[in-house]
Amino acid sequence: MTALTVQQCVVTGLRPTFSAANADGHYVKNDVDFIIGFKNAGTEKTVTVATPGTRDGAAVDDVTITVAATTGEKWAGPFRADVFNQSSGVVNFTWTSETGLTVAAVRLGG
């Protein structure tokens, strides 16, 4: 997996830069409130957000996000650390196919 740089949103606005998705996924350091965006120029994609956390001792199912084919765009988040963080403090994102998929992570607060 490759780190995805979190871009800072500012009061005057941000036009986020989207990066090509890696075949093995991306991770984001989860030490700030962030959302992640997906743009899809290919076939429908399913994005999986790993959830190693538990609730009342029970495993939490991974979260899946469907990004529509061709012109699909979707934003998701924020991601609670107690549910989504891996032991290294990152959130992992993988997908059914990286072809045509781009991603951007945006920090919400200052």
PDB file of N, CA and C in Angstrom:
ATOM      1  N   MET A   1       0.845  -1.191   0.000  1.00  0.00           N
ATOM      2  CA  MET A   1       0.000   0.000   0.000  1.00  0.00           C
ATOM      3  C   MET A   1       0.882   1.244   0.000  1.00  0.00           C
ATOM      4  N   THR A   2       0.324   2.296  -0.573  1.00  0.00           N
ATOM      5  CA  THR A   2       1.041   3.560  -0.684  1.00  0.00           C
ATOM      6  C   THR A   2       0.308   4.628   0.124  1.00  0.00           C
ATOM      7  N   ALA A   3       1.082   5.481   0.797  1.00  0.00           N
ATOM      8  CA  ALA A   3       0.492   6.586   1.557  1.00  0.00           C
ATOM      9  C   ALA A   3      -0.182   7.565   0.610  1.00  0.00           C
ATOM     10  N   LEU A   4      -1.318   8.085   1.037  1.00  0.00           N
ATOM     11  CA  LEU A   4      -2.031   9.120   0.304  1.00  0.00           C
ATOM     12  C   LEU A   4      -1.899  10.406   1.104  1.00  0.00           C
ATOM     13  N   THR A   5      -1.381  11.453   0.480  1.00  0.00           N
ATOM     14  CA  THR A   5      -1.196  12.730   1.150  1.00  0.00           C
ATOM     15  C   THR A   5      -2.544  13.393   1.384  1.00  0.00           C
ATOM     16  N   VAL A   6      -2.766  13.887   2.594  1.00  0.00           N
ATOM     17  CA  VAL A   6      -4.003  14.578   2.943  1.00  0.00           C
ATOM     18  C   VAL A   6      -3.837  16.055   2.601  1.00  0.00           C
ATOM     19  N   GLN A   7      -4.746  16.584   1.797  1.00  0.00           N
ATOM     20  CA  GLN A   7      -4.719  17.978   1.387  1.00  0.00           C
ATOM     21  C   GLN A   7      -5.563  18.815   2.348  1.00  0.00           C
ATOM     22  N   GLN A   8      -5.113  20.018   2.641  1.00  0.00           N
ATOM     23  CA  GLN A   8      -5.794  20.887   3.603  1.00  0.00           C
ATOM     24  C   GLN A   8      -6.863  21.728   2.932  1.00  0.00           C
ATOM     25  N   CYS A   9      -8.100  21.614   3.417  1.00  0.00           N
ATOM     26  CA  CYS A   9      -9.181  22.484   2.954  1.00  0.00           C
ATOM     27  C   CYS A   9      -9.059  23.815   3.698  1.00  0.00           C
ATOM     28  N   VAL A  10      -9.265  24.907   2.987  1.00  0.00           N
ATOM     29  CA  VAL A  10      -9.181  26.240   3.592  1.00  0.00           C
ATOM     30  C   VAL A  10     -10.478  26.991   3.332  1.00  0.00           C
ATOM     31  N   VAL A  11     -10.696  28.047   4.091  1.00  0.00           N
ATOM     32  CA  VAL A  11     -11.949  28.790   4.021  1.00  0.00           C
ATOM     33  C   VAL A  11     -12.186  29.374   2.623  1.00  0.00           C
ATOM     34  N   THR A  12     -11.138  29.658   1.879  1.00  0.00           N
ATOM     35  CA  THR A  12     -11.295  30.213   0.528  1.00  0.00           C
ATOM     36  C   THR A  12     -11.493  29.132  -0.521  1.00  0.00           C
ATOM     37  N   GLY A  13     -11.439  27.874  -0.114  1.00  0.00           N
ATOM     38  CA  GLY A  13     -11.734  26.771  -1.019  1.00  0.00           C
ATOM     39  C   GLY A  13     -10.520  25.941  -1.396  1.00  0.00           C
ATOM     40  N   LEU A  14     -10.787  24.737  -1.850  1.00  0.00           N
ATOM     41  CA  LEU A  14      -9.747  23.795  -2.290  1.00  0.00           C
ATOM     42  C   LEU A  14     -10.269  23.026  -3.489  1.00  0.00           C
ATOM     43  N   ARG A  15      -9.473  22.956  -4.508  1.00  0.00           N
ATOM     44  CA  ARG A  15      -9.761  22.063  -5.625  1.00  0.00           C
ATOM     45  C   ARG A  15      -8.776  20.910  -5.464  1.00  0.00           C
ATOM     46  N   PRO A  16      -9.227  19.792  -4.878  1.00  0.00           N
ATOM     47  CA  PRO A  16      -8.289  18.719  -4.549  1.00  0.00           C
ATOM     48  C   PRO A  16      -7.672  18.085  -5.787  1.00  0.00           C
ATOM     49  N   THR A  17      -6.438  17.647  -5.614  1.00  0.00           N
ATOM     50  CA  THR A  17      -5.734  16.909  -6.647  1.00  0.00           C
ATOM     51  C   THR A  17      -6.003  15.430  -6.438  1.00  0.00           C
ATOM     52  N   PHE A  18      -6.488  14.765  -7.479  1.00  0.00           N
ATOM     53  CA  PHE A  18      -6.753  13.333  -7.417  1.00  0.00           C
ATOM     54  C   PHE A  18      -5.560  12.584  -7.993  1.00  0.00           C
ATOM     55  N   SER A  19      -5.189  11.479  -7.345  1.00  0.00           N
ATOM     56  CA  SER A  19      -4.073  10.639  -7.775  1.00  0.00           C
ATOM     57  C   SER A  19      -4.597   9.306  -8.271  1.00  0.00           C
ATOM     58  N   ALA A  20      -3.901   8.717  -9.219  1.00  0.00           N
ATOM     59  CA  ALA A  20      -4.278   7.391  -9.706  1.00  0.00           C
ATOM     60  C   ALA A  20      -4.219   6.391  -8.558  1.00  0.00           C
ATOM     61  N   ALA A  21      -5.220   5.546  -8.483  1.00  0.00           N
ATOM     62  CA  ALA A  21      -5.272   4.517  -7.443  1.00  0.00           C
ATOM     63  C   ALA A  21      -4.215   3.443  -7.717  1.00  0.00           C
ATOM     64  N   ASN A  22      -3.570   2.978  -6.665  1.00  0.00           N
ATOM     65  CA  ASN A  22      -2.599   1.888  -6.775  1.00  0.00           C
ATOM     66  C   ASN A  22      -3.304   0.544  -6.712  1.00  0.00           C
ATOM     67  N   ALA A  23      -2.781  -0.433  -7.397  1.00  0.00           N
ATOM     68  CA  ALA A  23      -3.379  -1.773  -7.416  1.00  0.00           C
ATOM     69  C   ALA A  23      -3.506  -2.352  -6.011  1.00  0.00           C
ATOM     70  N   ASP A  24      -2.530  -2.083  -5.147  1.00  0.00           N
ATOM     71  CA  ASP A  24      -2.545  -2.666  -3.797  1.00  0.00           C
ATOM     72  C   ASP A  24      -3.197  -1.770  -2.750  1.00  0.00           C
ATOM     73  N   GLY A  25      -3.771  -0.642  -3.167  1.00  0.00           N
ATOM     74  CA  GLY A  25      -4.483   0.227  -2.244  1.00  0.00           C
ATOM     75  C   GLY A  25      -3.658   1.389  -1.734  1.00  0.00           C
ATOM     76  N   HIS A  26      -4.296   2.170  -0.872  1.00  0.00           N
ATOM     77  CA  HIS A  26      -3.666   3.332  -0.240  1.00  0.00           C
ATOM     78  C   HIS A  26      -3.995   3.309   1.244  1.00  0.00           C
ATOM     79  N   TYR A  27      -3.193   4.053   1.993  1.00  0.00           N
ATOM     80  CA  TYR A  27      -3.509   4.265   3.407  1.00  0.00           C
ATOM     81  C   TYR A  27      -3.366   5.742   3.710  1.00  0.00           C
ATOM     82  N   VAL A  28      -4.104   6.169   4.739  1.00  0.00           N
ATOM     83  CA  VAL A  28      -4.055   7.552   5.191  1.00  0.00           C
ATOM     84  C   VAL A  28      -3.792   7.545   6.684  1.00  0.00           C
ATOM     85  N   LYS A  29      -2.813   8.337   7.113  1.00  0.00           N
ATOM     86  CA  LYS A  29      -2.548   8.506   8.544  1.00  0.00           C
ATOM     87  C   LYS A  29      -3.769   9.169   9.157  1.00  0.00           C
ATOM     88  N   ASN A  30      -4.355   8.524  10.159  1.00  0.00           N
ATOM     89  CA  ASN A  30      -5.608   9.003  10.734  1.00  0.00           C
ATOM     90  C   ASN A  30      -5.362   9.768  12.028  1.00  0.00           C
ATOM     91  N   ASP A  31      -4.670  10.917  11.884  1.00  0.00           N
ATOM     92  CA  ASP A  31      -4.434  11.765  13.049  1.00  0.00           C
ATOM     93  C   ASP A  31      -5.147  13.111  12.913  1.00  0.00           C
ATOM     94  N   VAL A  32      -5.976  13.246  11.854  1.00  0.00           N
ATOM     95  CA  VAL A  32      -6.782  14.449  11.620  1.00  0.00           C
ATOM     96  C   VAL A  32      -8.131  14.002  11.063  1.00  0.00           C
ATOM     97  N   ASP A  33      -9.119  14.884  11.135  1.00  0.00           N
ATOM     98  CA  ASP A  33     -10.395  14.581  10.479  1.00  0.00           C
ATOM     99  C   ASP A  33     -10.215  14.736   8.980  1.00  0.00           C
ATOM    100  N   PHE A  34     -10.467  13.670   8.239  1.00  0.00           N
ATOM    101  CA  PHE A  34     -10.351  13.747   6.788  1.00  0.00           C
ATOM    102  C   PHE A  34     -11.496  12.995   6.136  1.00  0.00           C
ATOM    103  N   ILE A  35     -11.751  13.375   4.883  1.00  0.00           N
ATOM    104  CA  ILE A  35     -12.662  12.630   4.033  1.00  0.00           C
ATOM    105  C   ILE A  35     -11.867  12.197   2.810  1.00  0.00           C
ATOM    106  N   ILE A  36     -12.360  11.176   2.144  1.00  0.00           N
ATOM    107  CA  ILE A  36     -11.664  10.686   0.959  1.00  0.00           C
ATOM    108  C   ILE A  36     -12.639  10.648  -0.206  1.00  0.00           C
ATOM    109  N   GLY A  37     -12.142  11.100  -1.366  1.00  0.00           N
ATOM    110  CA  GLY A  37     -12.968  11.145  -2.558  1.00  0.00           C
ATOM    111  C   GLY A  37     -12.475  10.166  -3.601  1.00  0.00           C
ATOM    112  N   PHE A  38     -13.417   9.634  -4.358  1.00  0.00           N
ATOM    113  CA  PHE A  38     -13.117   8.690  -5.431  1.00  0.00           C
ATOM    114  C   PHE A  38     -13.786   9.182  -6.706  1.00  0.00           C
ATOM    115  N   LYS A  39     -13.028   9.196  -7.801  1.00  0.00           N
ATOM    116  CA  LYS A  39     -13.581   9.478  -9.123  1.00  0.00           C
ATOM    117  C   LYS A  39     -13.308   8.251  -9.980  1.00  0.00           C
ATOM    118  N   ASN A  40     -14.289   7.868 -10.769  1.00  0.00           N
ATOM    119  CA  ASN A  40     -14.177   6.634 -11.528  1.00  0.00           C
ATOM    120  C   ASN A  40     -14.482   6.885 -12.999  1.00  0.00           C
ATOM    121  N   ALA A  41     -13.517   6.538 -13.851  1.00  0.00           N
ATOM    122  CA  ALA A  41     -13.699   6.670 -15.295  1.00  0.00           C
ATOM    123  C   ALA A  41     -13.831   5.299 -15.950  1.00  0.00           C
ATOM    124  N   GLY A  42     -13.940   4.244 -15.144  1.00  0.00           N
ATOM    125  CA  GLY A  42     -14.030   2.880 -15.669  1.00  0.00           C
ATOM    126  C   GLY A  42     -15.310   2.201 -15.231  1.00  0.00           C
ATOM    127  N   THR A  43     -15.224   0.880 -15.112  1.00  0.00           N
ATOM    128  CA  THR A  43     -16.371   0.094 -14.657  1.00  0.00           C
ATOM    129  C   THR A  43     -16.626   0.350 -13.176  1.00  0.00           C
ATOM    130  N   GLU A  44     -17.825  -0.003 -12.706  1.00  0.00           N
ATOM    131  CA  GLU A  44     -18.175   0.188 -11.294  1.00  0.00           C
ATOM    132  C   GLU A  44     -17.104  -0.425 -10.391  1.00  0.00           C
ATOM    133  N   LYS A  45     -16.780   0.293  -9.323  1.00  0.00           N
ATOM    134  CA  LYS A  45     -15.769  -0.158  -8.362  1.00  0.00           C
ATOM    135  C   LYS A  45     -16.392  -0.312  -6.983  1.00  0.00           C
ATOM    136  N   THR A  46     -15.865  -1.252  -6.232  1.00  0.00           N
ATOM    137  CA  THR A  46     -16.193  -1.369  -4.817  1.00  0.00           C
ATOM    138  C   THR A  46     -14.930  -1.063  -4.032  1.00  0.00           C
ATOM    139  N   VAL A  47     -15.018  -0.042  -3.194  1.00  0.00           N
ATOM    140  CA  VAL A  47     -13.911   0.337  -2.318  1.00  0.00           C
ATOM    141  C   VAL A  47     -14.177  -0.296  -0.962  1.00  0.00           C
ATOM    142  N   THR A  48     -13.146  -0.899  -0.376  1.00  0.00           N
ATOM    143  CA  THR A  48     -13.266  -1.497   0.952  1.00  0.00           C
ATOM    144  C   THR A  48     -12.410  -0.713   1.932  1.00  0.00           C
ATOM    145  N   VAL A  49     -13.023  -0.345   3.057  1.00  0.00           N
ATOM    146  CA  VAL A  49     -12.325   0.328   4.143  1.00  0.00           C
ATOM    147  C   VAL A  49     -12.225  -0.688   5.273  1.00  0.00           C
ATOM    148  N   ALA A  50     -11.004  -1.089   5.601  1.00  0.00           N
ATOM    149  CA  ALA A  50     -10.793  -2.107   6.634  1.00  0.00           C
ATOM    150  C   ALA A  50     -11.191  -1.569   8.005  1.00  0.00           C
ATOM    151  N   THR A  51     -11.847  -2.423   8.806  1.00  0.00           N
ATOM    152  CA  THR A  51     -12.289  -2.034  10.147  1.00  0.00           C
ATOM    153  C   THR A  51     -11.777  -3.047  11.170  1.00  0.00           C
ATOM    154  N   PRO A  52     -10.556  -2.855  11.653  1.00  0.00           N
ATOM    155  CA  PRO A  52     -10.014  -3.784  12.634  1.00  0.00           C
ATOM    156  C   PRO A  52     -10.578  -3.590  14.043  1.00  0.00           C
ATOM    157  N   GLY A  53     -11.316  -2.503  14.264  1.00  0.00           N
ATOM    158  CA  GLY A  53     -11.858  -2.213  15.584  1.00  0.00           C
ATOM    159  C   GLY A  53     -13.010  -3.118  15.956  1.00  0.00           C
ATOM    160  N   THR A  54     -13.406  -3.043  17.222  1.00  0.00           N
ATOM    161  CA  THR A  54     -14.538  -3.824  17.714  1.00  0.00           C
ATOM    162  C   THR A  54     -15.513  -2.902  18.441  1.00  0.00           C
ATOM    163  N   ARG A  55     -16.741  -3.375  18.574  1.00  0.00           N
ATOM    164  CA  ARG A  55     -17.773  -2.690  19.353  1.00  0.00           C
ATOM    165  C   ARG A  55     -18.300  -3.691  20.360  1.00  0.00           C
ATOM    166  N   ASP A  56     -18.141  -3.380  21.627  1.00  0.00           N
ATOM    167  CA  ASP A  56     -18.586  -4.274  22.702  1.00  0.00           C
ATOM    168  C   ASP A  56     -18.030  -5.684  22.524  1.00  0.00           C
ATOM    169  N   GLY A  57     -16.779  -5.769  22.072  1.00  0.00           N
ATOM    170  CA  GLY A  57     -16.106  -7.050  21.915  1.00  0.00           C
ATOM    171  C   GLY A  57     -16.403  -7.784  20.622  1.00  0.00           C
ATOM    172  N   ALA A  58     -17.294  -7.255  19.795  1.00  0.00           N
ATOM    173  CA  ALA A  58     -17.646  -7.909  18.530  1.00  0.00           C
ATOM    174  C   ALA A  58     -16.932  -7.217  17.368  1.00  0.00           C
ATOM    175  N   ALA A  59     -16.485  -8.006  16.408  1.00  0.00           N
ATOM    176  CA  ALA A  59     -15.833  -7.456  15.220  1.00  0.00           C
ATOM    177  C   ALA A  59     -16.800  -6.572  14.441  1.00  0.00           C
ATOM    178  N   VAL A  60     -16.267  -5.519  13.853  1.00  0.00           N
ATOM    179  CA  VAL A  60     -17.049  -4.616  13.021  1.00  0.00           C
ATOM    180  C   VAL A  60     -16.779  -4.987  11.565  1.00  0.00           C
ATOM    181  N   ASP A  61     -17.841  -5.159  10.772  1.00  0.00           N
ATOM    182  CA  ASP A  61     -17.673  -5.494   9.359  1.00  0.00           C
ATOM    183  C   ASP A  61     -16.944  -4.373   8.627  1.00  0.00           C
ATOM    184  N   ASP A  62     -16.106  -4.761   7.642  1.00  0.00           N
ATOM    185  CA  ASP A  62     -15.487  -3.775   6.780  1.00  0.00           C
ATOM    186  C   ASP A  62     -16.572  -2.953   6.100  1.00  0.00           C
ATOM    187  N   VAL A  63     -16.260  -1.699   5.797  1.00  0.00           N
ATOM    188  CA  VAL A  63     -17.185  -0.821   5.106  1.00  0.00           C
ATOM    189  C   VAL A  63     -16.889  -0.901   3.614  1.00  0.00           C
ATOM    190  N   THR A  64     -17.946  -1.011   2.805  1.00  0.00           N
ATOM    191  CA  THR A  64     -17.772  -0.988   1.356  1.00  0.00           C
ATOM    192  C   THR A  64     -18.486   0.227   0.778  1.00  0.00           C
ATOM    193  N   ILE A  65     -17.856   0.809  -0.230  1.00  0.00           N
ATOM    194  CA  ILE A  65     -18.362   2.003  -0.894  1.00  0.00           C
ATOM    195  C   ILE A  65     -18.431   1.684  -2.380  1.00  0.00           C
ATOM    196  N   THR A  66     -19.591   1.856  -2.979  1.00  0.00           N
ATOM    197  CA  THR A  66     -19.747   1.620  -4.413  1.00  0.00           C
ATOM    198  C   THR A  66     -19.563   2.935  -5.155  1.00  0.00           C
ATOM    199  N   VAL A  67     -18.659   2.919  -6.148  1.00  0.00           N
ATOM    200  CA  VAL A  67     -18.425   4.091  -6.990  1.00  0.00           C
ATOM    201  C   VAL A  67     -18.929   3.732  -8.383  1.00  0.00           C
ATOM    202  N   ALA A  68     -19.936   4.448  -8.847  1.00  0.00           N
ATOM    203  CA  ALA A  68     -20.589   4.140 -10.119  1.00  0.00           C
ATOM    204  C   ALA A  68     -19.613   4.162 -11.292  1.00  0.00           C
ATOM    205  N   ALA A  69     -19.993   3.477 -12.348  1.00  0.00           N
ATOM    206  CA  ALA A  69     -19.174   3.401 -13.556  1.00  0.00           C
ATOM    207  C   ALA A  69     -19.120   4.742 -14.286  1.00  0.00           C
ATOM    208  N   THR A  70     -18.045   4.919 -15.002  1.00  0.00           N
ATOM    209  CA  THR A  70     -17.794   5.994 -15.953  1.00  0.00           C
ATOM    210  C   THR A  70     -17.713   7.389 -15.339  1.00  0.00           C
ATOM    211  N   THR A  71     -18.766   7.910 -14.798  1.00  0.00           N
ATOM    212  CA  THR A  71     -18.733   9.271 -14.250  1.00  0.00           C
ATOM    213  C   THR A  71     -18.935   9.277 -12.745  1.00  0.00           C
ATOM    214  N   GLY A  72     -18.712   8.143 -12.110  1.00  0.00           N
ATOM    215  CA  GLY A  72     -18.964   8.041 -10.674  1.00  0.00           C
ATOM    216  C   GLY A  72     -18.004   8.875  -9.852  1.00  0.00           C
ATOM    217  N   GLU A  73     -18.550   9.583  -8.872  1.00  0.00           N
ATOM    218  CA  GLU A  73     -17.748  10.302  -7.891  1.00  0.00           C
ATOM    219  C   GLU A  73     -18.425  10.144  -6.547  1.00  0.00           C
ATOM    220  N   LYS A  74     -17.625   9.856  -5.523  1.00  0.00           N
ATOM    221  CA  LYS A  74     -18.189   9.662  -4.195  1.00  0.00           C
ATOM    222  C   LYS A  74     -17.172  10.107  -3.154  1.00  0.00           C
ATOM    223  N   TRP A  75     -17.681  10.722  -2.090  1.00  0.00           N
ATOM    224  CA  TRP A  75     -16.855  11.137  -0.948  1.00  0.00           C
ATOM    225  C   TRP A  75     -17.318  10.367   0.288  1.00  0.00           C
ATOM    226  N   ALA A  76     -16.369  10.018   1.153  1.00  0.00           N
ATOM    227  CA  ALA A  76     -16.690   9.245   2.361  1.00  0.00           C
ATOM    228  C   ALA A  76     -15.857   9.740   3.534  1.00  0.00           C
ATOM    229  N   GLY A  77     -16.374   9.505   4.750  1.00  0.00           N
ATOM    230  CA  GLY A  77     -15.656   9.865   5.961  1.00  0.00           C
ATOM    231  C   GLY A  77     -16.499  10.783   6.817  1.00  0.00           C
ATOM    232  N   PRO A  78     -15.980  11.264   7.926  1.00  0.00           N
ATOM    233  CA  PRO A  78     -14.665  10.945   8.496  1.00  0.00           C
ATOM    234  C   PRO A  78     -14.628   9.530   9.067  1.00  0.00           C
ATOM    235  N   PHE A  79     -13.447   9.092   9.486  1.00  0.00           N
ATOM    236  CA  PHE A  79     -13.193   7.719   9.899  1.00  0.00           C
ATOM    237  C   PHE A  79     -12.751   7.683  11.362  1.00  0.00           C
ATOM    238  N   ARG A  80     -13.624   7.162  12.220  1.00  0.00           N
ATOM    239  CA  ARG A  80     -13.331   7.104  13.661  1.00  0.00           C
ATOM    240  C   ARG A  80     -12.127   6.210  13.918  1.00  0.00           C
ATOM    241  N   ALA A  81     -11.177   6.727  14.665  1.00  0.00           N
ATOM    242  CA  ALA A  81      -9.938   5.995  14.946  1.00  0.00           C
ATOM    243  C   ALA A  81     -10.201   4.661  15.634  1.00  0.00           C
ATOM    244  N   ASP A  82     -11.178   4.600  16.559  1.00  0.00           N
ATOM    245  CA  ASP A  82     -11.412   3.365  17.308  1.00  0.00           C
ATOM    246  C   ASP A  82     -12.023   2.256  16.454  1.00  0.00           C
ATOM    247  N   VAL A  83     -12.527   2.597  15.287  1.00  0.00           N
ATOM    248  CA  VAL A  83     -13.121   1.608  14.390  1.00  0.00           C
ATOM    249  C   VAL A  83     -12.205   1.302  13.213  1.00  0.00           C
ATOM    250  N   PHE A  84     -11.614   2.333  12.614  1.00  0.00           N
ATOM    251  CA  PHE A  84     -10.914   2.178  11.342  1.00  0.00           C
ATOM    252  C   PHE A  84      -9.394   2.099  11.434  1.00  0.00           C
ATOM    253  N   ASN A  85      -8.792   2.578  12.526  1.00  0.00           N
ATOM    254  CA  ASN A  85      -7.333   2.615  12.577  1.00  0.00           C
ATOM    255  C   ASN A  85      -6.714   1.231  12.706  1.00  0.00           C
ATOM    256  N   GLN A  86      -5.703   0.988  11.865  1.00  0.00           N
ATOM    257  CA  GLN A  86      -4.841  -0.174  12.028  1.00  0.00           C
ATOM    258  C   GLN A  86      -3.937   0.101  13.229  1.00  0.00           C
ATOM    259  N   SER A  87      -3.181  -0.880  13.676  1.00  0.00           N
ATOM    260  CA  SER A  87      -2.299  -0.688  14.836  1.00  0.00           C
ATOM    261  C   SER A  87      -1.265   0.408  14.580  1.00  0.00           C
ATOM    262  N   SER A  88      -0.965   0.683  13.323  1.00  0.00           N
ATOM    263  CA  SER A  88       0.006   1.722  12.958  1.00  0.00           C
ATOM    264  C   SER A  88      -0.622   3.118  12.886  1.00  0.00           C
ATOM    265  N   GLY A  89      -1.938   3.235  13.140  1.00  0.00           N
ATOM    266  CA  GLY A  89      -2.605   4.533  13.137  1.00  0.00           C
ATOM    267  C   GLY A  89      -3.050   5.006  11.765  1.00  0.00           C
ATOM    268  N   VAL A  90      -3.163   4.083  10.813  1.00  0.00           N
ATOM    269  CA  VAL A  90      -3.605   4.439   9.469  1.00  0.00           C
ATOM    270  C   VAL A  90      -4.921   3.756   9.139  1.00  0.00           C
ATOM    271  N   VAL A  91      -5.622   4.309   8.146  1.00  0.00           N
ATOM    272  CA  VAL A  91      -6.836   3.699   7.600  1.00  0.00           C
ATOM    273  C   VAL A  91      -6.459   3.134   6.233  1.00  0.00           C
ATOM    274  N   ASN A  92      -6.833   1.874   5.981  1.00  0.00           N
ATOM    275  CA  ASN A  92      -6.509   1.197   4.726  1.00  0.00           C
ATOM    276  C   ASN A  92      -7.700   1.184   3.779  1.00  0.00           C
ATOM    277  N   PHE A  93      -7.421   1.499   2.499  1.00  0.00           N
ATOM    278  CA  PHE A  93      -8.420   1.498   1.443  1.00  0.00           C
ATOM    279  C   PHE A  93      -7.957   0.584   0.313  1.00  0.00           C
ATOM    280  N   THR A  94      -8.810  -0.332  -0.119  1.00  0.00           N
ATOM    281  CA  THR A  94      -8.527  -1.185  -1.271  1.00  0.00           C
ATOM    282  C   THR A  94      -9.740  -1.162  -2.185  1.00  0.00           C
ATOM    283  N   TRP A  95      -9.599  -1.713  -3.400  1.00  0.00           N
ATOM    284  CA  TRP A  95     -10.673  -1.664  -4.386  1.00  0.00           C
ATOM    285  C   TRP A  95     -10.656  -2.886  -5.265  1.00  0.00           C
ATOM    286  N   THR A  96     -11.785  -3.088  -5.954  1.00  0.00           N
ATOM    287  CA  THR A  96     -11.913  -4.250  -6.837  1.00  0.00           C
ATOM    288  C   THR A  96     -11.014  -4.114  -8.051  1.00  0.00           C
ATOM    289  N   SER A  97     -10.758  -2.889  -8.505  1.00  0.00           N
ATOM    290  CA  SER A  97      -9.872  -2.628  -9.644  1.00  0.00           C
ATOM    291  C   SER A  97      -9.444  -1.171  -9.583  1.00  0.00           C
ATOM    292  N   GLU A  98      -8.190  -0.917  -9.893  1.00  0.00           N
ATOM    293  CA  GLU A  98      -7.701   0.468  -9.888  1.00  0.00           C
ATOM    294  C   GLU A  98      -7.877   1.157 -11.237  1.00  0.00           C
ATOM    295  N   THR A  99      -8.226   0.410 -12.273  1.00  0.00           N
ATOM    296  CA  THR A  99      -8.337   0.961 -13.621  1.00  0.00           C
ATOM    297  C   THR A  99      -9.391   2.068 -13.679  1.00  0.00           C
ATOM    298  N   GLY A 100      -8.956   3.278 -14.015  1.00  0.00           N
ATOM    299  CA  GLY A 100      -9.863   4.420 -14.126  1.00  0.00           C
ATOM    300  C   GLY A 100     -10.223   5.077 -12.813  1.00  0.00           C
ATOM    301  N   LEU A 101      -9.662   4.603 -11.700  1.00  0.00           N
ATOM    302  CA  LEU A 101     -10.020   5.136 -10.381  1.00  0.00           C
ATOM    303  C   LEU A 101      -8.951   6.119  -9.900  1.00  0.00           C
ATOM    304  N   THR A 102      -9.387   7.281  -9.434  1.00  0.00           N
ATOM    305  CA  THR A 102      -8.495   8.245  -8.806  1.00  0.00           C
ATOM    306  C   THR A 102      -9.028   8.577  -7.423  1.00  0.00           C
ATOM    307  N   VAL A 103      -8.114   8.995  -6.521  1.00  0.00           N
ATOM    308  CA  VAL A 103      -8.479   9.229  -5.128  1.00  0.00           C
ATOM    309  C   VAL A 103      -7.853  10.537  -4.621  1.00  0.00           C
ATOM    310  N   ALA A 104      -8.509  11.136  -3.638  1.00  0.00           N
ATOM    311  CA  ALA A 104      -7.987  12.341  -2.970  1.00  0.00           C
ATOM    312  C   ALA A 104      -8.459  12.312  -1.525  1.00  0.00           C
ATOM    313  N   ALA A 105      -7.579  12.694  -0.611  1.00  0.00           N
ATOM    314  CA  ALA A 105      -7.930  12.805   0.805  1.00  0.00           C
ATOM    315  C   ALA A 105      -7.853  14.283   1.191  1.00  0.00           C
ATOM    316  N   VAL A 106      -8.875  14.751   1.914  1.00  0.00           N
ATOM    317  CA  VAL A 106      -8.971  16.168   2.276  1.00  0.00           C
ATOM    318  C   VAL A 106      -9.187  16.295   3.775  1.00  0.00           C
ATOM    319  N   ARG A 107      -8.347  17.109   4.403  1.00  0.00           N
ATOM    320  CA  ARG A 107      -8.474  17.420   5.841  1.00  0.00           C
ATOM    321  C   ARG A 107      -9.585  18.435   6.027  1.00  0.00           C
ATOM    322  N   LEU A 108     -10.470  18.165   6.993  1.00  0.00           N
ATOM    323  CA  LEU A 108     -11.630  19.032   7.217  1.00  0.00           C
ATOM    324  C   LEU A 108     -11.316  20.234   8.078  1.00  0.00           C
ATOM    325  N   GLY A 109     -10.533  20.060   9.124  1.00  0.00           N
ATOM    326  CA  GLY A 109     -10.287  21.146  10.062  1.00  0.00           C
ATOM    327  C   GLY A 109      -8.912  21.749   9.889  1.00  0.00           C
ATOM    328  N   GLY A 110      -8.654  22.798  10.640  1.00  0.00           N
ATOM    329  CA  GLY A 110      -7.370  23.492  10.539  1.00  0.00           C
ATOM    330  C   GLY A 110      -6.420  23.059  11.516  1.00  0.00           C
TER     331      GLY A 110
END
